[in-house]
Amino acid sequence: MCLGIPGQVIAMLDGYEGQLALVDVTGEQRKVNVGMLPEETFAPGDWVIIHMGFVVEKTDQAGAERAMAGLELMGRGRTDLTPHSEAG
């Protein structure tokens, strides 16, 4: 299983054979490689899912919001620290 982080394309970067994009990820700008999806085209405003610096999926805003909600839920983790064997 891999964790994908949603981001929004700000710009495609000149050079790099069209394979690098500048993406906003929760307010932080990151350069990511879009080369794993050669059949896709990317433009400012597009939503993507990123893993290890590579775009692994093109999505829409609703998909990005679902991904972020899932990540936030996982980040909360288990708050009950009682071992499972003791939980009655």
PDB file of N, CA and C in Angstrom:
ATOM      1  N   MET A   1       0.847  -1.176   0.000  1.00  0.00           N
ATOM      2  CA  MET A   1       0.000   0.000   0.000  1.00  0.00           C
ATOM      3  C   MET A   1       0.890   1.236   0.000  1.00  0.00           C
ATOM      4  N   CYS A   2       0.500   2.211  -0.756  1.00  0.00           N
ATOM      5  CA  CYS A   2       1.237   3.469  -0.737  1.00  0.00           C
ATOM      6  C   CYS A   2       0.282   4.584  -0.322  1.00  0.00           C
ATOM      7  N   LEU A   3       0.848   5.620   0.226  1.00  0.00           N
ATOM      8  CA  LEU A   3       0.061   6.787   0.601  1.00  0.00           C
ATOM      9  C   LEU A   3       0.203   7.832  -0.477  1.00  0.00           C
ATOM     10  N   GLY A   4      -0.907   8.275  -0.997  1.00  0.00           N
ATOM     11  CA  GLY A   4      -0.895   9.328  -1.998  1.00  0.00           C
ATOM     12  C   GLY A   4      -1.342  10.632  -1.377  1.00  0.00           C
ATOM     13  N   ILE A   5      -0.614  11.675  -1.668  1.00  0.00           N
ATOM     14  CA  ILE A   5      -0.902  13.004  -1.142  1.00  0.00           C
ATOM     15  C   ILE A   5      -1.515  13.839  -2.263  1.00  0.00           C
ATOM     16  N   PRO A   6      -2.667  14.461  -2.026  1.00  0.00           N
ATOM     17  CA  PRO A   6      -3.260  15.287  -3.075  1.00  0.00           C
ATOM     18  C   PRO A   6      -2.569  16.640  -3.197  1.00  0.00           C
ATOM     19  N   GLY A   7      -2.532  17.150  -4.408  1.00  0.00           N
ATOM     20  CA  GLY A   7      -1.971  18.466  -4.668  1.00  0.00           C
ATOM     21  C   GLY A   7      -2.595  19.067  -5.910  1.00  0.00           C
ATOM     22  N   GLN A   8      -2.436  20.362  -6.073  1.00  0.00           N
ATOM     23  CA  GLN A   8      -2.989  21.069  -7.225  1.00  0.00           C
ATOM     24  C   GLN A   8      -1.855  21.674  -8.037  1.00  0.00           C
ATOM     25  N   VAL A   9      -1.893  21.408  -9.340  1.00  0.00           N
ATOM     26  CA  VAL A   9      -0.853  21.903 -10.240  1.00  0.00           C
ATOM     27  C   VAL A   9      -0.898  23.428 -10.280  1.00  0.00           C
ATOM     28  N   ILE A  10       0.265  24.040 -10.063  1.00  0.00           N
ATOM     29  CA  ILE A  10       0.413  25.488 -10.189  1.00  0.00           C
ATOM     30  C   ILE A  10       0.920  25.818 -11.585  1.00  0.00           C
ATOM     31  N   ALA A  11       1.920  25.052 -12.042  1.00  0.00           N
ATOM     32  CA  ALA A  11       2.522  25.306 -13.360  1.00  0.00           C
ATOM     33  C   ALA A  11       3.309  24.084 -13.803  1.00  0.00           C
ATOM     34  N   MET A  12       3.421  23.939 -15.110  1.00  0.00           N
ATOM     35  CA  MET A  12       4.360  22.974 -15.677  1.00  0.00           C
ATOM     36  C   MET A  12       5.677  23.716 -15.827  1.00  0.00           C
ATOM     37  N   LEU A  13       6.770  23.075 -15.460  1.00  0.00           N
ATOM     38  CA  LEU A  13       8.076  23.729 -15.480  1.00  0.00           C
ATOM     39  C   LEU A  13       8.747  23.565 -16.836  1.00  0.00           C
ATOM     40  N   ASP A  14       9.348  24.638 -17.313  1.00  0.00           N
ATOM     41  CA  ASP A  14      10.056  24.609 -18.593  1.00  0.00           C
ATOM     42  C   ASP A  14      11.243  23.660 -18.503  1.00  0.00           C
ATOM     43  N   GLY A  15      11.548  23.059 -19.629  1.00  0.00           N
ATOM     44  CA  GLY A  15      12.644  22.091 -19.652  1.00  0.00           C
ATOM     45  C   GLY A  15      12.163  20.762 -19.106  1.00  0.00           C
ATOM     46  N   TYR A  16      13.070  19.954 -18.681  1.00  0.00           N
ATOM     47  CA  TYR A  16      12.755  18.668 -18.056  1.00  0.00           C
ATOM     48  C   TYR A  16      11.848  17.793 -18.924  1.00  0.00           C
ATOM     49  N   GLU A  17      11.864  18.037 -20.240  1.00  0.00           N
ATOM     50  CA  GLU A  17      11.066  17.264 -21.198  1.00  0.00           C
ATOM     51  C   GLU A  17       9.586  17.230 -20.819  1.00  0.00           C
ATOM     52  N   GLY A  18       9.110  18.304 -20.204  1.00  0.00           N
ATOM     53  CA  GLY A  18       7.698  18.404 -19.842  1.00  0.00           C
ATOM     54  C   GLY A  18       7.276  17.472 -18.728  1.00  0.00           C
ATOM     55  N   GLN A  19       8.236  16.974 -17.958  1.00  0.00           N
ATOM     56  CA  GLN A  19       7.895  15.982 -16.939  1.00  0.00           C
ATOM     57  C   GLN A  19       7.863  16.518 -15.511  1.00  0.00           C
ATOM     58  N   LEU A  20       8.134  17.802 -15.315  1.00  0.00           N
ATOM     59  CA  LEU A  20       8.082  18.351 -13.957  1.00  0.00           C
ATOM     60  C   LEU A  20       6.988  19.400 -13.840  1.00  0.00           C
ATOM     61  N   ALA A  21       6.281  19.318 -12.724  1.00  0.00           N
ATOM     62  CA  ALA A  21       5.237  20.294 -12.436  1.00  0.00           C
ATOM     63  C   ALA A  21       5.496  20.888 -11.057  1.00  0.00           C
ATOM     64  N   LEU A  22       5.102  22.128 -10.887  1.00  0.00           N
ATOM     65  CA  LEU A  22       5.099  22.769  -9.581  1.00  0.00           C
ATOM     66  C   LEU A  22       3.690  22.591  -9.026  1.00  0.00           C
ATOM     67  N   VAL A  23       3.597  21.993  -7.843  1.00  0.00           N
ATOM     68  CA  VAL A  23       2.303  21.618  -7.276  1.00  0.00           C
ATOM     69  C   VAL A  23       2.171  22.189  -5.870  1.00  0.00           C
ATOM     70  N   ASP A  24       0.975  22.657  -5.534  1.00  0.00           N
ATOM     71  CA  ASP A  24       0.668  23.117  -4.183  1.00  0.00           C
ATOM     72  C   ASP A  24       0.144  21.929  -3.385  1.00  0.00           C
ATOM     73  N   VAL A  25       0.840  21.615  -2.302  1.00  0.00           N
ATOM     74  CA  VAL A  25       0.424  20.536  -1.406  1.00  0.00           C
ATOM     75  C   VAL A  25       0.204  21.151  -0.033  1.00  0.00           C
ATOM     76  N   THR A  26      -1.038  21.347   0.316  1.00  0.00           N
ATOM     77  CA  THR A  26      -1.434  21.978   1.589  1.00  0.00           C
ATOM     78  C   THR A  26      -0.634  23.242   1.886  1.00  0.00           C
ATOM     79  N   GLY A  27      -0.504  24.093   0.886  1.00  0.00           N
ATOM     80  CA  GLY A  27       0.160  25.378   1.059  1.00  0.00           C
ATOM     81  C   GLY A  27       1.650  25.380   0.808  1.00  0.00           C
ATOM     82  N   GLU A  28       2.237  24.224   0.585  1.00  0.00           N
ATOM     83  CA  GLU A  28       3.670  24.122   0.303  1.00  0.00           C
ATOM     84  C   GLU A  28       3.865  23.777  -1.174  1.00  0.00           C
ATOM     85  N   GLN A  29       4.774  24.489  -1.828  1.00  0.00           N
ATOM     86  CA  GLN A  29       5.041  24.218  -3.242  1.00  0.00           C
ATOM     87  C   GLN A  29       6.109  23.141  -3.378  1.00  0.00           C
ATOM     88  N   ARG A  30       5.810  22.160  -4.234  1.00  0.00           N
ATOM     89  CA  ARG A  30       6.752  21.061  -4.466  1.00  0.00           C
ATOM     90  C   ARG A  30       6.892  20.816  -5.960  1.00  0.00           C
ATOM     91  N   LYS A  31       8.090  20.423  -6.365  1.00  0.00           N
ATOM     92  CA  LYS A  31       8.308  19.977  -7.735  1.00  0.00           C
ATOM     93  C   LYS A  31       8.061  18.478  -7.761  1.00  0.00           C
ATOM     94  N   VAL A  32       7.208  18.037  -8.691  1.00  0.00           N
ATOM     95  CA  VAL A  32       6.895  16.617  -8.804  1.00  0.00           C
ATOM     96  C   VAL A  32       7.033  16.170 -10.255  1.00  0.00           C
ATOM     97  N   ASN A  33       7.299  14.896 -10.426  1.00  0.00           N
ATOM     98  CA  ASN A  33       7.487  14.312 -11.745  1.00  0.00           C
ATOM     99  C   ASN A  33       6.163  13.728 -12.229  1.00  0.00           C
ATOM    100  N   VAL A  34       5.744  14.120 -13.434  1.00  0.00           N
ATOM    101  CA  VAL A  34       4.493  13.623 -14.014  1.00  0.00           C
ATOM    102  C   VAL A  34       4.748  12.527 -15.047  1.00  0.00           C
ATOM    103  N   GLY A  35       5.998  12.109 -15.198  1.00  0.00           N
ATOM    104  CA  GLY A  35       6.388  11.173 -16.244  1.00  0.00           C
ATOM    105  C   GLY A  35       5.779   9.788 -16.154  1.00  0.00           C
ATOM    106  N   MET A  36       5.230   9.406 -15.001  1.00  0.00           N
ATOM    107  CA  MET A  36       4.610   8.088 -14.880  1.00  0.00           C
ATOM    108  C   MET A  36       3.256   8.020 -15.576  1.00  0.00           C
ATOM    109  N   LEU A  37       2.724   9.160 -15.963  1.00  0.00           N
ATOM    110  CA  LEU A  37       1.426   9.203 -16.643  1.00  0.00           C
ATOM    111  C   LEU A  37       1.589   9.877 -18.002  1.00  0.00           C
ATOM    112  N   PRO A  38       2.323   9.242 -18.927  1.00  0.00           N
ATOM    113  CA  PRO A  38       2.619   9.895 -20.208  1.00  0.00           C
ATOM    114  C   PRO A  38       1.390  10.168 -21.066  1.00  0.00           C
ATOM    115  N   GLU A  39       0.293   9.460 -20.815  1.00  0.00           N
ATOM    116  CA  GLU A  39      -0.922   9.669 -21.603  1.00  0.00           C
ATOM    117  C   GLU A  39      -1.724  10.881 -21.141  1.00  0.00           C
ATOM    118  N   GLU A  40      -1.394  11.428 -19.983  1.00  0.00           N
ATOM    119  CA  GLU A  40      -2.125  12.569 -19.434  1.00  0.00           C
ATOM    120  C   GLU A  40      -1.454  13.884 -19.815  1.00  0.00           C
ATOM    121  N   THR A  41      -2.262  14.935 -19.862  1.00  0.00           N
ATOM    122  CA  THR A  41      -1.740  16.293 -19.973  1.00  0.00           C
ATOM    123  C   THR A  41      -2.101  17.008 -18.669  1.00  0.00           C
ATOM    124  N   PHE A  42      -1.263  17.938 -18.286  1.00  0.00           N
ATOM    125  CA  PHE A  42      -1.463  18.637 -17.021  1.00  0.00           C
ATOM    126  C   PHE A  42      -1.449  20.139 -17.257  1.00  0.00           C
ATOM    127  N   ALA A  43      -2.293  20.837 -16.508  1.00  0.00           N
ATOM    128  CA  ALA A  43      -2.397  22.289 -16.622  1.00  0.00           C
ATOM    129  C   ALA A  43      -2.644  22.864 -15.230  1.00  0.00           C
ATOM    130  N   PRO A  44      -2.334  24.146 -15.042  1.00  0.00           N
ATOM    131  CA  PRO A  44      -2.626  24.779 -13.757  1.00  0.00           C
ATOM    132  C   PRO A  44      -4.086  24.553 -13.366  1.00  0.00           C
ATOM    133  N   GLY A  45      -4.285  24.208 -12.104  1.00  0.00           N
ATOM    134  CA  GLY A  45      -5.626  23.937 -11.594  1.00  0.00           C
ATOM    135  C   GLY A  45      -5.961  22.463 -11.514  1.00  0.00           C
ATOM    136  N   ASP A  46      -5.232  21.618 -12.252  1.00  0.00           N
ATOM    137  CA  ASP A  46      -5.484  20.178 -12.197  1.00  0.00           C
ATOM    138  C   ASP A  46      -5.125  19.632 -10.821  1.00  0.00           C
ATOM    139  N   TRP A  47      -5.846  18.622 -10.396  1.00  0.00           N
ATOM    140  CA  TRP A  47      -5.580  17.941  -9.133  1.00  0.00           C
ATOM    141  C   TRP A  47      -4.878  16.629  -9.413  1.00  0.00           C
ATOM    142  N   VAL A  48      -3.901  16.299  -8.579  1.00  0.00           N
ATOM    143  CA  VAL A  48      -3.123  15.076  -8.752  1.00  0.00           C
ATOM    144  C   VAL A  48      -2.905  14.405  -7.397  1.00  0.00           C
ATOM    145  N   ILE A  49      -2.584  13.114  -7.465  1.00  0.00           N
ATOM    146  CA  ILE A  49      -2.192  12.355  -6.283  1.00  0.00           C
ATOM    147  C   ILE A  49      -0.707  12.040  -6.439  1.00  0.00           C
ATOM    148  N   ILE A  50       0.072  12.337  -5.398  1.00  0.00           N
ATOM    149  CA  ILE A  50       1.533  12.243  -5.450  1.00  0.00           C
ATOM    150  C   ILE A  50       2.017  11.180  -4.459  1.00  0.00           C
ATOM    151  N   HIS A  51       2.982  10.377  -4.908  1.00  0.00           N
ATOM    152  CA  HIS A  51       3.647   9.414  -4.024  1.00  0.00           C
ATOM    153  C   HIS A  51       5.139   9.463  -4.306  1.00  0.00           C
ATOM    154  N   MET A  52       5.940   9.744  -3.285  1.00  0.00           N
ATOM    155  CA  MET A  52       7.403   9.760  -3.409  1.00  0.00           C
ATOM    156  C   MET A  52       7.892  10.699  -4.515  1.00  0.00           C
ATOM    157  N   GLY A  53       7.210  11.830  -4.691  1.00  0.00           N
ATOM    158  CA  GLY A  53       7.641  12.815  -5.675  1.00  0.00           C
ATOM    159  C   GLY A  53       7.152  12.564  -7.085  1.00  0.00           C
ATOM    160  N   PHE A  54       6.338  11.537  -7.273  1.00  0.00           N
ATOM    161  CA  PHE A  54       5.799  11.209  -8.590  1.00  0.00           C
ATOM    162  C   PHE A  54       4.279  11.302  -8.575  1.00  0.00           C
ATOM    163  N   VAL A  55       3.714  11.877  -9.628  1.00  0.00           N
ATOM    164  CA  VAL A  55       2.268  11.884  -9.779  1.00  0.00           C
ATOM    165  C   VAL A  55       1.857  10.474 -10.197  1.00  0.00           C
ATOM    166  N   VAL A  56       0.968   9.864  -9.416  1.00  0.00           N
ATOM    167  CA  VAL A  56       0.514   8.509  -9.717  1.00  0.00           C
ATOM    168  C   VAL A  56      -0.923   8.475 -10.212  1.00  0.00           C
ATOM    169  N   GLU A  57      -1.614   9.612 -10.102  1.00  0.00           N
ATOM    170  CA  GLU A  57      -3.006   9.663 -10.540  1.00  0.00           C
ATOM    171  C   GLU A  57      -3.419  11.108 -10.765  1.00  0.00           C
ATOM    172  N   LYS A  58      -4.213  11.321 -11.790  1.00  0.00           N
ATOM    173  CA  LYS A  58      -4.865  12.611 -12.000  1.00  0.00           C
ATOM    174  C   LYS A  58      -6.281  12.447 -11.471  1.00  0.00           C
ATOM    175  N   THR A  59      -6.748  13.419 -10.706  1.00  0.00           N
ATOM    176  CA  THR A  59      -8.051  13.302 -10.077  1.00  0.00           C
ATOM    177  C   THR A  59      -8.797  14.622 -10.221  1.00  0.00           C
ATOM    178  N   ASP A  60      -9.917  14.735  -9.559  1.00  0.00           N
ATOM    179  CA  ASP A  60     -10.648  16.002  -9.531  1.00  0.00           C
ATOM    180  C   ASP A  60     -10.644  16.518  -8.092  1.00  0.00           C
ATOM    181  N   GLN A  61     -11.257  17.659  -7.871  1.00  0.00           N
ATOM    182  CA  GLN A  61     -11.233  18.257  -6.535  1.00  0.00           C
ATOM    183  C   GLN A  61     -11.889  17.343  -5.508  1.00  0.00           C
ATOM    184  N   ALA A  62     -12.988  16.694  -5.885  1.00  0.00           N
ATOM    185  CA  ALA A  62     -13.663  15.796  -4.941  1.00  0.00           C
ATOM    186  C   ALA A  62     -12.748  14.631  -4.556  1.00  0.00           C
ATOM    187  N   GLY A  63     -12.016  14.086  -5.524  1.00  0.00           N
ATOM    188  CA  GLY A  63     -11.079  13.002  -5.241  1.00  0.00           C
ATOM    189  C   GLY A  63      -9.952  13.462  -4.333  1.00  0.00           C
ATOM    190  N   ALA A  64      -9.466  14.673  -4.567  1.00  0.00           N
ATOM    191  CA  ALA A  64      -8.409  15.230  -3.719  1.00  0.00           C
ATOM    192  C   ALA A  64      -8.920  15.434  -2.294  1.00  0.00           C
ATOM    193  N   GLU A  65     -10.145  15.904  -2.162  1.00  0.00           N
ATOM    194  CA  GLU A  65     -10.723  16.112  -0.833  1.00  0.00           C
ATOM    195  C   GLU A  65     -10.911  14.788  -0.102  1.00  0.00           C
ATOM    196  N   ARG A  66     -11.336  13.738  -0.830  1.00  0.00           N
ATOM    197  CA  ARG A  66     -11.482  12.417  -0.208  1.00  0.00           C
ATOM    198  C   ARG A  66     -10.125  11.890   0.269  1.00  0.00           C
ATOM    199  N   ALA A  67      -9.112  12.065  -0.569  1.00  0.00           N
ATOM    200  CA  ALA A  67      -7.769  11.606  -0.195  1.00  0.00           C
ATOM    201  C   ALA A  67      -7.280  12.339   1.052  1.00  0.00           C
ATOM    202  N   MET A  68      -7.479  13.642   1.111  1.00  0.00           N
ATOM    203  CA  MET A  68      -7.028  14.418   2.265  1.00  0.00           C
ATOM    204  C   MET A  68      -7.807  14.020   3.519  1.00  0.00           C
ATOM    205  N   ALA A  69      -9.105  13.792   3.376  1.00  0.00           N
ATOM    206  CA  ALA A  69      -9.907  13.371   4.529  1.00  0.00           C
ATOM    207  C   ALA A  69      -9.410  12.027   5.061  1.00  0.00           C
ATOM    208  N   GLY A  70      -9.066  11.115   4.166  1.00  0.00           N
ATOM    209  CA  GLY A  70      -8.535   9.821   4.586  1.00  0.00           C
ATOM    210  C   GLY A  70      -7.212   9.963   5.309  1.00  0.00           C
ATOM    211  N   LEU A  71      -6.341  10.820   4.795  1.00  0.00           N
ATOM    212  CA  LEU A  71      -5.049  11.049   5.449  1.00  0.00           C
ATOM    213  C   LEU A  71      -5.229  11.671   6.832  1.00  0.00           C
ATOM    214  N   GLU A  72      -6.157  12.614   6.933  1.00  0.00           N
ATOM    215  CA  GLU A  72      -6.407  13.250   8.231  1.00  0.00           C
ATOM    216  C   GLU A  72      -6.954  12.236   9.225  1.00  0.00           C
ATOM    217  N   LEU A  73      -7.824  11.351   8.757  1.00  0.00           N
ATOM    218  CA  LEU A  73      -8.382  10.321   9.625  1.00  0.00           C
ATOM    219  C   LEU A  73      -7.285   9.369  10.099  1.00  0.00           C
ATOM    220  N   MET A  74      -6.405   8.959   9.195  1.00  0.00           N
ATOM    221  CA  MET A  74      -5.301   8.073   9.576  1.00  0.00           C
ATOM    222  C   MET A  74      -4.358   8.767  10.549  1.00  0.00           C
ATOM    223  N   GLY A  75      -4.170  10.064  10.372  1.00  0.00           N
ATOM    224  CA  GLY A  75      -3.273  10.813  11.241  1.00  0.00           C
ATOM    225  C   GLY A  75      -3.751  10.874  12.680  1.00  0.00           C
ATOM    226  N   ARG A  76      -5.045  10.747  12.855  1.00  0.00           N
ATOM    227  CA  ARG A  76      -5.582  10.758  14.222  1.00  0.00           C
ATOM    228  C   ARG A  76      -5.202   9.485  14.960  1.00  0.00           C
ATOM    229  N   GLY A  77      -5.129   8.395  14.224  1.00  0.00           N
ATOM    230  CA  GLY A  77      -4.739   7.122  14.821  1.00  0.00           C
ATOM    231  C   GLY A  77      -5.690   6.673  15.910  1.00  0.00           C
ATOM    232  N   ARG A  78      -5.252   5.715  16.635  1.00  0.00           N
ATOM    233  CA  ARG A  78      -6.033   5.167  17.731  1.00  0.00           C
ATOM    234  C   ARG A  78      -5.771   6.016  18.970  1.00  0.00           C
ATOM    235  N   THR A  79      -6.816   6.497  19.591  1.00  0.00           N
ATOM    236  CA  THR A  79      -6.644   7.351  20.766  1.00  0.00           C
ATOM    237  C   THR A  79      -6.811   6.580  22.066  1.00  0.00           C
ATOM    238  N   ASP A  80      -7.423   5.389  22.013  1.00  0.00           N
ATOM    239  CA  ASP A  80      -7.568   4.554  23.199  1.00  0.00           C
ATOM    240  C   ASP A  80      -6.313   3.696  23.318  1.00  0.00           C
ATOM    241  N   LEU A  81      -5.496   3.944  24.327  1.00  0.00           N
ATOM    242  CA  LEU A  81      -4.233   3.233  24.468  1.00  0.00           C
ATOM    243  C   LEU A  81      -4.347   1.950  25.279  1.00  0.00           C
ATOM    244  N   THR A  82      -5.566   1.537  25.617  1.00  0.00           N
ATOM    245  CA  THR A  82      -5.759   0.274  26.313  1.00  0.00           C
ATOM    246  C   THR A  82      -5.415  -0.862  25.362  1.00  0.00           C
ATOM    247  N   PRO A  83      -4.535  -1.787  25.762  1.00  0.00           N
ATOM    248  CA  PRO A  83      -4.223  -2.915  24.880  1.00  0.00           C
ATOM    249  C   PRO A  83      -5.487  -3.683  24.511  1.00  0.00           C
ATOM    250  N   HIS A  84      -5.530  -4.202  23.301  1.00  0.00           N
ATOM    251  CA  HIS A  84      -6.717  -4.924  22.832  1.00  0.00           C
ATOM    252  C   HIS A  84      -7.082  -6.070  23.766  1.00  0.00           C
ATOM    253  N   SER A  85      -6.096  -6.739  24.336  1.00  0.00           N
ATOM    254  CA  SER A  85      -6.374  -7.875  25.220  1.00  0.00           C
ATOM    255  C   SER A  85      -7.072  -7.434  26.507  1.00  0.00           C
ATOM    256  N   GLU A  86      -6.892  -6.176  26.910  1.00  0.00           N
ATOM    257  CA  GLU A  86      -7.525  -5.670  28.127  1.00  0.00           C
ATOM    258  C   GLU A  86      -8.863  -5.007  27.854  1.00  0.00           C
ATOM    259  N   ALA A  87      -9.097  -4.620  26.600  1.00  0.00           N
ATOM    260  CA  ALA A  87     -10.360  -3.958  26.267  1.00  0.00           C
ATOM    261  C   ALA A  87     -11.457  -5.008  26.332  1.00  0.00           C
ATOM    262  N   GLY A  88     -12.434  -4.767  27.139  1.00  0.00           N
ATOM    263  CA  GLY A  88     -13.420  -5.762  27.428  1.00  0.00           C
ATOM    264  C   GLY A  88     -14.459  -5.960  26.464  1.00  0.00           C
TER     265      GLY A  88
END
